[in-house]
């Protein structure tokens, strides 16, 4: 599966809020690094991360653009509350090997009325 096609399916799974389903897009030793947090290593840990996040907030990913360059896919997204971000995904053998996401965590926490860290 090409990166662009995989990202479209990943967005659909993300919008279902199903951590088990979305974790199937990742290699067993994948790394998901949302730059506002420490990297999450391994498919099981990535599933647990999504479980926590889906429980914490009602999130929707609206695709603005998807770009593809060899084994890399780039997702530019927004959400219904106006937050914007982008993700870079390296695809290997039809699964995500590495993902890095950029977005404003403080805005996300405020929009969802979640606790704001004091440090």
N, C-alpha and C. Protein backbone atom coordinates (compact mmCIF):
# COMPACT_ATOMS: atom_id res chain seq x y z
N UNK A 1 0.86 -1.18 0.00
CA UNK A 1 0.00 0.00 0.00
C UNK A 1 0.90 1.24 0.00
N UNK A 2 0.61 2.16 -0.87
CA UNK A 2 1.37 3.41 -0.98
C UNK A 2 1.07 4.31 0.23
N UNK A 3 2.01 5.18 0.59
CA UNK A 3 1.82 6.05 1.74
C UNK A 3 0.52 6.86 1.71
N UNK A 4 0.19 7.42 0.58
CA UNK A 4 -1.01 8.25 0.48
C UNK A 4 -2.27 7.44 0.80
N UNK A 5 -2.35 6.25 0.24
CA UNK A 5 -3.50 5.36 0.47
C UNK A 5 -3.57 4.93 1.93
N UNK A 6 -2.42 4.58 2.50
CA UNK A 6 -2.38 4.16 3.90
C UNK A 6 -2.84 5.30 4.81
N UNK A 7 -2.38 6.51 4.55
CA UNK A 7 -2.75 7.65 5.40
C UNK A 7 -4.26 7.89 5.34
N UNK A 8 -4.86 7.78 4.18
CA UNK A 8 -6.32 7.95 4.08
C UNK A 8 -7.04 6.93 4.95
N UNK A 9 -6.58 5.69 4.94
CA UNK A 9 -7.20 4.65 5.77
C UNK A 9 -6.90 4.88 7.25
N UNK A 10 -5.71 5.36 7.56
CA UNK A 10 -5.34 5.68 8.94
C UNK A 10 -6.27 6.77 9.49
N UNK A 11 -6.53 7.81 8.70
CA UNK A 11 -7.42 8.90 9.13
C UNK A 11 -8.82 8.34 9.42
N UNK A 12 -9.32 7.46 8.56
CA UNK A 12 -10.63 6.85 8.80
C UNK A 12 -10.65 6.10 10.13
N UNK A 13 -9.60 5.32 10.40
CA UNK A 13 -9.52 4.57 11.66
C UNK A 13 -9.39 5.52 12.86
N UNK A 14 -8.60 6.58 12.70
CA UNK A 14 -8.46 7.57 13.77
C UNK A 14 -9.81 8.17 14.11
N UNK A 15 -10.57 8.52 13.08
CA UNK A 15 -11.86 9.17 13.31
C UNK A 15 -12.90 8.22 13.92
N UNK A 16 -12.68 6.93 13.83
CA UNK A 16 -13.54 5.96 14.52
C UNK A 16 -13.21 5.91 16.01
N UNK A 17 -12.03 6.39 16.40
CA UNK A 17 -11.63 6.36 17.80
C UNK A 17 -11.33 4.95 18.30
N UNK A 18 -10.90 4.08 17.41
CA UNK A 18 -10.66 2.68 17.74
C UNK A 18 -9.15 2.43 17.82
N UNK A 19 -8.62 2.38 19.04
CA UNK A 19 -7.18 2.23 19.23
C UNK A 19 -6.66 0.91 18.69
N UNK A 20 -7.43 -0.15 18.84
CA UNK A 20 -7.00 -1.46 18.34
C UNK A 20 -6.87 -1.42 16.82
N UNK A 21 -7.85 -0.85 16.16
CA UNK A 21 -7.83 -0.79 14.70
C UNK A 21 -6.68 0.09 14.19
N UNK A 22 -6.49 1.22 14.81
CA UNK A 22 -5.44 2.13 14.32
C UNK A 22 -4.07 1.55 14.59
N UNK A 23 -3.91 0.80 15.67
CA UNK A 23 -2.59 0.23 15.97
C UNK A 23 -2.17 -0.81 14.93
N UNK A 24 -3.12 -1.37 14.20
CA UNK A 24 -2.79 -2.36 13.17
C UNK A 24 -2.06 -1.74 11.97
N UNK A 25 -2.03 -0.42 11.90
CA UNK A 25 -1.31 0.26 10.83
C UNK A 25 0.19 0.34 11.10
N UNK A 26 0.62 -0.07 12.30
CA UNK A 26 2.01 0.10 12.73
C UNK A 26 2.78 -1.22 12.76
N UNK A 27 4.07 -1.15 12.47
CA UNK A 27 4.98 -2.28 12.67
C UNK A 27 5.08 -2.55 14.17
N UNK A 28 5.46 -3.77 14.52
CA UNK A 28 5.61 -4.13 15.94
C UNK A 28 6.61 -3.24 16.66
N UNK A 29 7.64 -2.78 15.96
CA UNK A 29 8.67 -1.95 16.59
C UNK A 29 8.61 -0.49 16.13
N UNK A 30 7.45 -0.06 15.69
CA UNK A 30 7.28 1.31 15.19
C UNK A 30 7.54 2.34 16.29
N UNK A 31 7.84 3.55 15.84
CA UNK A 31 8.02 4.69 16.75
C UNK A 31 7.03 5.76 16.35
N UNK A 32 6.28 6.26 17.33
CA UNK A 32 5.36 7.38 17.12
C UNK A 32 5.86 8.51 18.02
N UNK A 33 6.35 9.57 17.39
CA UNK A 33 6.87 10.70 18.16
C UNK A 33 6.07 11.95 17.86
N UNK A 34 5.13 12.23 18.73
CA UNK A 34 4.43 13.51 18.69
C UNK A 34 5.34 14.47 19.45
N UNK A 35 5.82 15.52 18.79
CA UNK A 35 6.91 16.31 19.34
C UNK A 35 6.58 16.97 20.67
N UNK A 36 5.32 17.02 21.04
CA UNK A 36 4.95 17.57 22.34
C UNK A 36 5.15 16.54 23.46
N UNK A 37 5.47 15.30 23.10
CA UNK A 37 5.64 14.20 24.06
C UNK A 37 6.90 13.42 23.74
N UNK A 38 7.25 12.52 24.64
CA UNK A 38 8.36 11.61 24.38
C UNK A 38 7.94 10.60 23.32
N UNK A 39 8.89 10.06 22.55
CA UNK A 39 8.54 9.04 21.55
C UNK A 39 7.91 7.81 22.21
N UNK A 40 6.94 7.23 21.53
CA UNK A 40 6.29 5.99 21.96
C UNK A 40 6.82 4.89 21.05
N UNK A 41 7.36 3.83 21.67
CA UNK A 41 8.03 2.79 20.90
C UNK A 41 7.27 1.47 21.02
N UNK A 42 6.94 0.90 19.87
CA UNK A 42 6.29 -0.40 19.80
C UNK A 42 4.79 -0.30 19.60
N UNK A 43 4.29 -1.23 18.82
CA UNK A 43 2.87 -1.26 18.47
C UNK A 43 1.97 -1.31 19.70
N UNK A 44 2.31 -2.11 20.70
CA UNK A 44 1.48 -2.22 21.90
C UNK A 44 1.43 -0.89 22.65
N UNK A 45 2.57 -0.23 22.77
CA UNK A 45 2.61 1.06 23.46
C UNK A 45 1.86 2.13 22.66
N UNK A 46 1.93 2.06 21.34
CA UNK A 46 1.19 3.00 20.49
C UNK A 46 -0.31 2.78 20.67
N UNK A 47 -0.75 1.53 20.72
CA UNK A 47 -2.17 1.25 20.97
C UNK A 47 -2.60 1.83 22.31
N UNK A 48 -1.80 1.64 23.34
CA UNK A 48 -2.12 2.18 24.67
C UNK A 48 -2.18 3.71 24.65
N UNK A 49 -1.28 4.34 23.89
CA UNK A 49 -1.30 5.79 23.75
C UNK A 49 -2.62 6.26 23.15
N UNK A 50 -3.04 5.58 22.06
CA UNK A 50 -4.30 5.96 21.43
C UNK A 50 -5.49 5.68 22.34
N UNK A 51 -5.46 4.59 23.09
CA UNK A 51 -6.55 4.32 24.05
C UNK A 51 -6.69 5.48 25.03
N UNK A 52 -5.58 5.93 25.61
CA UNK A 52 -5.62 7.06 26.56
C UNK A 52 -6.14 8.32 25.88
N UNK A 53 -5.62 8.60 24.69
CA UNK A 53 -6.00 9.83 24.01
C UNK A 53 -7.47 9.82 23.58
N UNK A 54 -7.95 8.69 23.08
CA UNK A 54 -9.35 8.61 22.67
C UNK A 54 -10.28 8.70 23.88
N UNK A 55 -9.84 8.22 25.04
CA UNK A 55 -10.63 8.34 26.26
C UNK A 55 -10.63 9.77 26.79
N UNK A 56 -9.56 10.48 26.53
CA UNK A 56 -9.36 11.82 27.08
C UNK A 56 -10.15 12.89 26.33
N UNK A 57 -10.26 12.77 25.03
CA UNK A 57 -10.87 13.83 24.23
C UNK A 57 -11.54 13.26 22.99
N UNK A 58 -12.56 13.97 22.52
CA UNK A 58 -13.24 13.62 21.28
C UNK A 58 -12.46 14.28 20.14
N UNK A 59 -11.71 13.47 19.40
CA UNK A 59 -10.83 14.02 18.37
C UNK A 59 -11.31 13.62 16.98
N UNK A 60 -11.21 14.57 16.06
CA UNK A 60 -11.54 14.33 14.66
C UNK A 60 -10.43 14.91 13.80
N UNK A 61 -9.96 14.13 12.85
CA UNK A 61 -8.91 14.56 11.93
C UNK A 61 -9.56 14.86 10.58
N UNK A 62 -9.44 16.11 10.15
CA UNK A 62 -9.93 16.53 8.84
C UNK A 62 -8.72 16.73 7.94
N UNK A 63 -8.63 15.94 6.90
CA UNK A 63 -7.49 16.00 6.00
C UNK A 63 -7.53 17.28 5.16
N UNK A 64 -6.43 18.01 5.17
CA UNK A 64 -6.29 19.16 4.30
C UNK A 64 -5.45 18.80 3.07
N UNK A 65 -4.35 18.10 3.29
CA UNK A 65 -3.49 17.66 2.19
C UNK A 65 -2.79 16.37 2.59
N UNK A 66 -2.53 15.54 1.62
CA UNK A 66 -1.67 14.38 1.79
C UNK A 66 -0.66 14.41 0.66
N UNK A 67 0.61 14.33 1.04
CA UNK A 67 1.69 14.31 0.06
C UNK A 67 2.44 12.99 0.20
N UNK A 68 3.07 12.58 -0.85
CA UNK A 68 3.81 11.32 -0.86
C UNK A 68 5.14 11.52 -1.54
N UNK A 69 6.20 10.99 -0.93
CA UNK A 69 7.53 11.03 -1.53
C UNK A 69 8.23 9.71 -1.20
N UNK A 70 8.29 8.83 -2.17
CA UNK A 70 8.84 7.49 -1.99
C UNK A 70 8.13 6.78 -0.83
N UNK A 71 8.85 6.45 0.25
CA UNK A 71 8.22 5.71 1.35
C UNK A 71 7.72 6.63 2.46
N UNK A 72 7.65 7.91 2.19
CA UNK A 72 7.16 8.88 3.17
C UNK A 72 5.81 9.45 2.75
N UNK A 73 4.95 9.64 3.73
CA UNK A 73 3.69 10.33 3.53
C UNK A 73 3.62 11.49 4.49
N UNK A 74 3.02 12.58 4.05
CA UNK A 74 2.88 13.77 4.87
C UNK A 74 1.41 14.13 4.93
N UNK A 75 0.89 14.23 6.13
CA UNK A 75 -0.52 14.56 6.35
C UNK A 75 -0.61 15.95 6.97
N UNK A 76 -1.28 16.85 6.28
CA UNK A 76 -1.60 18.16 6.83
C UNK A 76 -3.07 18.10 7.24
N UNK A 77 -3.36 18.43 8.51
CA UNK A 77 -4.70 18.22 9.04
C UNK A 77 -5.18 19.42 9.86
N UNK A 78 -6.48 19.39 10.11
CA UNK A 78 -7.10 20.33 11.05
C UNK A 78 -8.17 19.55 11.79
N UNK A 79 -8.70 20.17 12.85
CA UNK A 79 -9.82 19.56 13.54
C UNK A 79 -10.98 20.55 13.58
N UNK A 80 -12.16 20.12 13.99
CA UNK A 80 -13.32 21.00 13.97
C UNK A 80 -13.20 22.23 14.87
N UNK A 81 -12.28 22.20 15.84
CA UNK A 81 -12.10 23.33 16.75
C UNK A 81 -11.07 24.33 16.25
N UNK A 82 -10.45 24.05 15.11
CA UNK A 82 -9.52 24.98 14.50
C UNK A 82 -8.04 24.65 14.70
N UNK A 83 -7.75 23.61 15.46
CA UNK A 83 -6.36 23.20 15.63
C UNK A 83 -5.83 22.65 14.31
N UNK A 84 -4.58 22.94 14.02
CA UNK A 84 -3.94 22.45 12.80
C UNK A 84 -2.63 21.78 13.15
N UNK A 85 -2.24 20.85 12.29
CA UNK A 85 -0.97 20.17 12.51
C UNK A 85 -0.56 19.41 11.27
N UNK A 86 0.56 18.72 11.40
CA UNK A 86 1.01 17.87 10.30
C UNK A 86 1.74 16.67 10.86
N UNK A 87 1.74 15.61 10.09
CA UNK A 87 2.42 14.40 10.47
C UNK A 87 3.24 13.87 9.32
N UNK A 88 4.39 13.31 9.67
CA UNK A 88 5.29 12.69 8.70
C UNK A 88 5.34 11.22 9.03
N UNK A 89 5.03 10.37 8.06
CA UNK A 89 4.95 8.94 8.31
C UNK A 89 5.83 8.19 7.32
N UNK A 90 6.73 7.39 7.84
CA UNK A 90 7.56 6.54 7.00
C UNK A 90 6.90 5.17 6.92
N UNK A 91 6.65 4.73 5.70
CA UNK A 91 5.94 3.48 5.46
C UNK A 91 6.93 2.44 4.97
N UNK A 92 6.89 1.28 5.60
CA UNK A 92 7.75 0.18 5.20
C UNK A 92 6.90 -1.09 5.10
N UNK A 93 6.88 -1.71 3.93
CA UNK A 93 6.09 -2.91 3.70
C UNK A 93 4.62 -2.73 4.09
N UNK A 94 4.06 -1.57 3.74
CA UNK A 94 2.63 -1.33 3.94
C UNK A 94 2.22 -0.98 5.35
N UNK A 95 3.19 -0.70 6.24
CA UNK A 95 2.86 -0.31 7.62
C UNK A 95 3.74 0.85 8.05
N UNK A 96 3.27 1.56 9.07
CA UNK A 96 4.01 2.71 9.57
C UNK A 96 5.19 2.23 10.42
N UNK A 97 6.37 2.67 10.03
CA UNK A 97 7.59 2.35 10.77
C UNK A 97 7.97 3.49 11.71
N UNK A 98 7.73 4.71 11.26
CA UNK A 98 8.07 5.90 12.04
C UNK A 98 7.05 6.98 11.75
N UNK A 99 6.64 7.68 12.82
CA UNK A 99 5.69 8.79 12.67
C UNK A 99 6.13 9.92 13.56
N UNK A 100 6.10 11.14 13.01
CA UNK A 100 6.38 12.32 13.81
C UNK A 100 5.27 13.33 13.53
N UNK A 101 4.70 13.86 14.60
CA UNK A 101 3.60 14.82 14.47
C UNK A 101 3.91 16.15 15.12
N UNK A 102 3.46 17.22 14.49
CA UNK A 102 3.66 18.58 14.97
C UNK A 102 2.29 19.24 15.14
N UNK A 103 2.01 19.73 16.36
CA UNK A 103 0.76 20.41 16.65
C UNK A 103 0.92 21.16 17.96
N UNK A 104 0.01 22.06 18.26
CA UNK A 104 0.09 22.91 19.44
C UNK A 104 -0.65 22.26 20.61
N UNK A 105 0.09 21.66 21.53
CA UNK A 105 -0.51 20.94 22.64
C UNK A 105 -1.29 21.88 23.57
N UNK A 106 -0.79 23.08 23.83
CA UNK A 106 -1.47 24.01 24.72
C UNK A 106 -2.85 24.37 24.17
N UNK A 107 -2.93 24.64 22.88
CA UNK A 107 -4.24 24.94 22.28
C UNK A 107 -5.17 23.74 22.38
N UNK A 108 -4.64 22.53 22.13
CA UNK A 108 -5.45 21.32 22.24
C UNK A 108 -6.02 21.17 23.66
N UNK A 109 -5.18 21.33 24.67
CA UNK A 109 -5.63 21.19 26.06
C UNK A 109 -6.69 22.23 26.40
N UNK A 110 -6.48 23.45 25.98
CA UNK A 110 -7.47 24.51 26.25
C UNK A 110 -8.80 24.23 25.56
N UNK A 111 -8.74 23.83 24.29
CA UNK A 111 -9.97 23.58 23.53
C UNK A 111 -10.80 22.45 24.13
N UNK A 112 -10.13 21.46 24.70
CA UNK A 112 -10.82 20.30 25.27
C UNK A 112 -11.01 20.42 26.77
N UNK A 113 -10.66 21.60 27.32
CA UNK A 113 -10.83 21.87 28.74
C UNK A 113 -10.14 20.79 29.61
N UNK A 114 -8.91 20.49 29.20
CA UNK A 114 -8.08 19.51 29.91
C UNK A 114 -7.06 20.24 30.76
N UNK A 115 -6.52 19.59 31.79
CA UNK A 115 -5.54 20.24 32.66
C UNK A 115 -4.31 20.70 31.87
N UNK A 116 -3.83 21.87 32.23
CA UNK A 116 -2.64 22.42 31.60
C UNK A 116 -1.47 22.22 32.55
N UNK A 117 -0.39 21.59 32.07
CA UNK A 117 0.77 21.37 32.94
C UNK A 117 1.32 22.69 33.46
N UNK A 118 1.82 22.67 34.68
CA UNK A 118 2.36 23.90 35.29
C UNK A 118 3.83 24.07 35.02
N UNK A 119 4.50 23.05 34.52
CA UNK A 119 5.94 23.15 34.23
C UNK A 119 6.19 23.42 32.78
